[in-house]
Amino acid sequence: MRILIVGGSGFLGGELARQCSAAEHEVAGTYLTRPGETAGVDWLPLDVRRREEVGALIGALRPEVVVNAAFRQTDWATTAVGAANVALAVSAVGGRLVHVSSDAVFSGAAIRYDETCVPDPISPYGAAKAAAETAVDAIVPNSAVVRTSLIIGDGGSPHEELVRQLADGTVRGRLFTDDVRCPVHVVDLAAALLELAASGYRGVHHVAGADEVSRYELGLLIARRDGLDADRLPSGLRAETDLPGPIGVRLRCDMTQGRLRTRLRGAREFLAAGRR
């Protein structure tokens, strides 16, 4: 397949590029500031906020599949407008669009959220992601919108880096015991996205890990895997802060998992297994 990964130089985008290259797809990846490192990928500069630029690139490549993994938590234009720009370009040339969304579209008021739940964001980032979902569904009705949770790897994710910095004292902060998510391994997420890309499934899908864990428990699991001093990790309650966003969001993935060959492992499993 000819695959374009928008945001290919990011953490998830890099794993998507690696898996596409390993499967011998014809793959291109976009970047904003510097290209990714995966060999065999055609790295192309792109600012998704620029509609004409997005349209020109996708119009020239005419990919069979576009996976949009581009976002910036503090930038509405990248997260929401950029998603609309990508969707418009895909609609103009045809092909498959898989859009990566987030559990941040939910408030956390419900105990758990399945694929039928309607977004009720309470943070600017969540609102941008919800707006992006709406735009993608309206512009490319046969697209797949994939909500995910905290993305963990074998040492390269932002959360893993934070845990290391907290453990060695290079940064100050706390890992919250009341902030619960369903962390997913980047390898599982990328494989699931590529499965959905090759399928005919449309609409909302949830791709998250099988375990519901707090950010503090996740930190402990990472510390133990990496041989860090888990006792040095500070804990606290998010409810006692004024940080925007939901305190806890638990994604149910039953419908999506039933459609996938890729098994969505829980954090307790993939972190206990050690580095790949």
Protein backbone atom coordinates (compact mmCIF):
# COMPACT_ATOMS: atom_id res chain seq x y z
CA MET A 1 0.00 0.00 0.00
CA ARG A 2 0.98 3.64 -0.45
CA ILE A 3 0.71 5.05 3.06
CA LEU A 4 1.18 8.60 4.30
CA ILE A 5 1.75 9.14 8.02
CA VAL A 6 0.94 12.72 8.97
CA GLY A 7 2.99 13.45 12.08
CA GLY A 8 5.33 10.61 11.23
CA SER A 9 8.27 12.01 13.18
CA GLY A 10 6.43 11.80 16.52
CA PHE A 11 6.50 8.93 19.00
CA LEU A 12 3.51 7.08 17.54
CA GLY A 13 4.31 8.18 14.00
CA GLY A 14 7.80 6.75 14.29
CA GLU A 15 6.45 3.32 15.27
CA LEU A 16 3.92 3.45 12.43
CA ALA A 17 6.75 4.26 10.02
CA ARG A 18 8.83 1.36 11.36
CA GLN A 19 6.00 -1.14 10.98
CA CYS A 20 5.08 0.12 7.50
CA SER A 21 8.70 -0.09 6.37
CA ALA A 22 9.06 -3.60 7.82
CA ALA A 23 5.94 -4.67 5.91
CA GLU A 24 7.47 -3.22 2.72
CA HIS A 25 4.71 -0.69 2.16
CA GLU A 26 5.47 2.40 0.12
CA VAL A 27 5.50 4.90 2.96
CA ALA A 28 5.96 8.63 3.42
CA GLY A 29 5.97 10.51 6.71
CA THR A 30 5.57 14.21 7.43
CA TYR A 31 7.39 16.33 9.97
CA LEU A 32 7.18 19.91 11.18
CA THR A 33 10.70 20.62 12.46
CA ARG A 34 12.90 17.61 11.69
CA PRO A 35 12.45 14.31 9.85
CA GLY A 36 12.10 10.96 11.54
CA GLU A 37 14.87 8.38 11.63
CA THR A 38 13.25 5.31 10.04
CA ALA A 39 15.04 4.21 6.91
CA GLY A 40 13.04 3.52 3.78
CA VAL A 41 10.58 6.33 4.52
CA ASP A 42 10.17 9.39 2.31
CA TRP A 43 10.31 12.22 4.87
CA LEU A 44 8.43 15.37 3.84
CA PRO A 45 8.01 18.72 5.63
CA LEU A 46 4.40 19.73 6.31
CA ASP A 47 2.56 22.25 8.44
CA VAL A 48 -0.96 20.84 8.80
CA ARG A 49 -2.26 24.30 9.70
CA ARG A 50 -1.72 25.39 6.08
CA ARG A 51 -4.65 24.05 4.05
CA GLU A 52 -3.14 24.66 0.61
CA GLU A 53 0.12 22.99 1.67
CA VAL A 54 -1.71 19.92 2.94
CA GLY A 55 -3.83 19.70 -0.19
CA ALA A 56 -0.83 20.01 -2.47
CA LEU A 57 1.17 17.29 -0.70
CA ILE A 58 -1.65 14.75 -0.51
CA GLY A 59 -2.74 15.63 -4.04
CA ALA A 60 0.76 14.93 -5.35
CA LEU A 61 1.25 11.67 -3.42
CA ARG A 62 -2.30 10.32 -3.80
CA PRO A 63 -1.80 7.78 -0.98
CA GLU A 64 -4.14 4.83 -0.59
CA VAL A 65 -4.11 5.35 3.19
CA VAL A 66 -3.49 8.43 5.31
CA VAL A 67 -2.95 8.02 9.05
CA ASN A 68 -3.17 11.36 10.85
CA ALA A 69 -1.18 11.27 14.09
CA ALA A 70 -0.36 15.00 14.19
CA PHE A 71 -1.36 17.08 17.21
CA ARG A 72 -0.16 19.68 19.68
CA GLN A 73 -1.84 19.75 23.06
CA THR A 74 -1.68 23.53 23.35
CA ASP A 75 -2.42 24.40 19.72
CA TRP A 76 -6.01 24.32 18.48
CA ALA A 77 -4.92 25.06 14.92
CA THR A 78 -2.71 21.97 14.68
CA THR A 79 -5.06 19.59 16.48
CA ALA A 80 -8.47 20.69 15.16
CA VAL A 81 -7.93 22.80 12.04
CA GLY A 82 -5.06 20.56 10.91
CA ALA A 83 -7.30 17.50 11.12
CA ALA A 84 -9.92 19.21 8.99
CA ASN A 85 -7.27 20.19 6.44
CA VAL A 86 -6.07 16.60 6.19
CA ALA A 87 -9.63 15.32 5.84
CA LEU A 88 -10.40 17.83 3.06
CA ALA A 89 -7.28 16.77 1.15
CA VAL A 90 -8.11 13.06 1.50
CA SER A 91 -11.68 13.72 0.38
CA ALA A 92 -10.38 15.45 -2.74
CA VAL A 93 -8.20 12.53 -3.87
CA GLY A 94 -10.01 9.56 -2.34
CA GLY A 95 -8.42 6.84 -0.24
CA ARG A 96 -8.65 5.74 3.34
CA LEU A 97 -8.29 8.06 6.36
CA VAL A 98 -7.48 6.85 9.86
CA HIS A 99 -7.55 9.69 12.37
CA VAL A 100 -5.95 9.31 15.81
CA SER A 101 -8.03 10.84 18.60
CA SER A 102 -7.77 10.76 22.39
CA ASP A 103 -9.56 9.84 25.60
CA ALA A 104 -9.30 13.58 26.39
CA VAL A 105 -12.59 14.03 24.50
CA PHE A 106 -14.33 12.76 27.66
CA SER A 107 -14.91 14.53 30.97
CA GLY A 108 -14.39 11.51 33.22
CA ALA A 109 -17.89 11.90 34.66
CA ALA A 110 -18.80 8.38 33.56
CA ILE A 111 -17.10 5.32 35.03
CA ARG A 112 -16.21 3.90 31.62
CA TYR A 113 -16.61 4.95 27.99
CA ASP A 114 -17.27 2.68 25.02
CA GLU A 115 -17.20 3.49 21.32
CA THR A 116 -20.81 4.75 21.32
CA CYS A 117 -20.21 7.47 23.93
CA VAL A 118 -20.53 11.10 22.83
CA PRO A 119 -17.62 13.47 23.63
CA ASP A 120 -18.05 15.86 26.57
CA PRO A 121 -14.60 17.51 26.84
CA ILE A 122 -13.64 19.78 29.72
CA SER A 123 -10.19 20.93 28.52
CA PRO A 124 -9.04 22.95 25.50
CA TYR A 125 -7.12 19.94 24.18
CA GLY A 126 -10.13 17.68 24.60
CA ALA A 127 -12.32 20.21 22.82
CA ALA A 128 -9.84 20.39 19.93
CA LYS A 129 -9.77 16.62 19.62
CA ALA A 130 -13.59 16.46 19.72
CA ALA A 131 -13.81 19.14 17.02
CA ALA A 132 -11.34 17.17 14.91
CA GLU A 133 -13.49 14.03 15.24
CA THR A 134 -16.56 15.95 14.07
CA ALA A 135 -14.73 17.44 11.08
CA VAL A 136 -13.25 14.11 10.02
CA ASP A 137 -16.58 12.30 10.21
CA ALA A 138 -18.37 15.04 8.26
CA ILE A 139 -15.74 15.40 5.53
CA VAL A 140 -14.71 11.74 5.09
CA PRO A 141 -17.67 9.65 6.30
CA ASN A 142 -15.93 6.32 5.66
CA SER A 143 -12.94 7.23 7.85
CA ALA A 144 -11.93 5.46 11.05
CA VAL A 145 -11.56 7.64 14.15
CA VAL A 146 -9.41 5.92 16.77
CA ARG A 147 -9.45 7.13 20.38
CA THR A 148 -6.51 6.02 22.46
CA SER A 149 -5.05 6.60 25.93
CA LEU A 150 -1.55 7.13 27.36
CA ILE A 151 0.95 5.73 24.88
CA ILE A 152 3.88 3.85 26.42
CA GLY A 153 6.88 2.22 24.74
CA ASP A 154 10.15 0.62 25.69
CA GLY A 155 11.57 3.78 27.18
CA GLY A 156 10.88 6.42 24.55
CA SER A 157 7.53 7.92 25.55
CA PRO A 158 7.09 11.27 27.33
CA HIS A 159 5.56 9.59 30.38
CA GLU A 160 8.48 7.17 30.70
CA GLU A 161 10.90 10.09 30.48
CA LEU A 162 8.96 11.93 33.20
CA VAL A 163 9.19 8.90 35.49
CA ARG A 164 12.95 8.72 34.99
CA GLN A 165 13.34 12.43 35.73
CA LEU A 166 11.19 12.21 38.86
CA ALA A 167 13.13 9.19 40.09
CA ASP A 168 16.52 10.87 39.66
CA GLY A 169 15.32 14.23 40.97
CA THR A 170 16.00 16.26 37.83
CA VAL A 171 12.40 17.52 37.76
CA ARG A 172 9.82 18.19 40.46
CA GLY A 173 6.24 17.04 40.27
CA ARG A 174 3.82 14.33 41.31
CA LEU A 175 2.25 11.24 39.80
CA PHE A 176 -1.45 11.22 40.59
CA THR A 177 -3.07 8.29 42.35
CA ASP A 178 -6.58 9.32 41.29
CA ASP A 179 -5.86 9.95 37.59
CA VAL A 180 -6.74 6.64 35.92
CA ARG A 181 -6.17 5.75 32.28
CA CYS A 182 -5.79 2.62 30.12
CA PRO A 183 -2.19 2.86 28.84
CA VAL A 184 -1.43 1.19 25.53
CA HIS A 185 1.89 0.00 24.14
CA VAL A 186 2.92 1.94 21.05
CA VAL A 187 3.61 -1.30 19.15
CA ASP A 188 0.07 -2.55 19.80
CA LEU A 189 -1.48 0.81 18.92
CA ALA A 190 0.42 1.14 15.65
CA ALA A 191 -0.43 -2.43 14.63
CA ALA A 192 -4.11 -1.82 15.40
CA LEU A 193 -4.13 1.42 13.39
CA LEU A 194 -2.64 -0.34 10.37
CA GLU A 195 -5.14 -3.19 10.72
CA LEU A 196 -8.00 -0.69 10.71
CA ALA A 197 -6.44 1.12 7.77
CA ALA A 198 -6.53 -2.08 5.72
CA SER A 199 -10.10 -2.87 6.77
CA GLY A 200 -13.44 -1.49 5.67
CA TYR A 201 -14.44 -0.43 9.18
CA ARG A 202 -15.57 3.16 9.65
CA GLY A 203 -16.58 5.31 12.59
CA VAL A 204 -15.25 5.50 16.14
CA HIS A 205 -12.95 2.81 17.53
CA HIS A 206 -11.24 2.60 20.92
CA VAL A 207 -7.68 1.27 21.04
CA ALA A 208 -6.34 1.30 24.59
CA GLY A 209 -4.73 -1.14 26.99
CA ALA A 210 -6.62 -3.78 28.92
CA ASP A 211 -5.59 -2.49 32.38
CA GLU A 212 -7.00 0.52 34.23
CA VAL A 213 -4.11 2.05 36.16
CA SER A 214 -3.38 5.37 37.83
CA ARG A 215 -0.49 7.49 36.64
CA TYR A 216 1.25 6.68 39.93
CA GLU A 217 0.84 2.91 39.50
CA LEU A 218 2.05 3.27 35.93
CA GLY A 219 5.10 5.12 37.23
CA LEU A 220 5.84 2.32 39.68
CA LEU A 221 5.60 -0.27 36.90
CA ILE A 222 7.97 1.72 34.70
CA ALA A 223 10.42 2.27 37.57
CA ARG A 224 10.52 -1.44 38.41
CA ARG A 225 11.02 -2.41 34.77
CA ASP A 226 13.88 0.07 34.38
CA GLY A 227 15.55 -0.67 37.71
CA LEU A 228 14.77 2.76 39.18
CA ASP A 229 14.10 3.51 42.85
CA ALA A 230 10.30 3.43 42.92
CA ASP A 231 10.30 4.87 46.46
CA ARG A 232 11.57 8.15 45.03
CA LEU A 233 8.45 8.71 42.94
CA PRO A 234 6.26 11.42 44.52
CA SER A 235 2.50 10.90 44.57
CA GLY A 236 -0.51 13.16 44.98
CA LEU A 237 -4.13 13.78 44.05
CA ARG A 238 -5.08 15.50 40.82
CA ALA A 239 -8.35 16.50 42.49
CA GLU A 240 -6.31 18.86 44.68
CA THR A 241 -4.90 20.74 41.66
CA ASP A 242 -6.39 23.13 39.12
CA LEU A 243 -5.00 21.27 36.12
CA PRO A 244 -7.49 21.23 33.20
CA GLY A 245 -8.92 17.97 31.92
CA PRO A 246 -10.54 14.84 33.28
CA ILE A 247 -9.29 13.15 36.44
CA GLY A 248 -9.89 9.65 35.11
CA VAL A 249 -11.01 8.16 31.80
CA ARG A 250 -11.38 4.43 31.26
CA LEU A 251 -11.86 3.41 27.63
CA ARG A 252 -13.74 0.22 26.86
CA CYS A 253 -12.47 -1.41 23.68
CA ASP A 254 -14.68 -4.51 23.45
CA MET A 255 -16.16 -3.73 20.04
CA THR A 256 -12.83 -2.73 18.53
CA GLN A 257 -10.90 -5.64 20.05
CA GLY A 258 -13.44 -7.99 18.52
CA ARG A 259 -12.47 -6.68 15.09
CA LEU A 260 -8.71 -6.88 15.57
CA ARG A 261 -6.12 -9.62 15.38
CA THR A 262 -3.79 -7.40 17.42
CA ARG A 263 -4.22 -8.10 21.13
CA LEU A 264 -4.35 -4.93 23.23
CA ARG A 265 -2.18 -5.80 26.22
CA GLY A 266 -2.51 -4.12 29.59
CA ALA A 267 0.27 -2.09 31.20
CA ARG A 268 0.83 -4.66 33.95
CA GLU A 269 1.58 -7.21 31.25
CA PHE A 270 3.73 -5.27 28.81
CA LEU A 271 5.75 -3.50 31.52
CA ALA A 272 6.33 -6.73 33.47
CA ALA A 273 7.64 -8.31 30.27
CA GLY A 274 10.50 -5.81 30.15
CA ARG A 275 11.99 -4.17 27.10
CA ARG A 276 11.26 -5.63 23.67
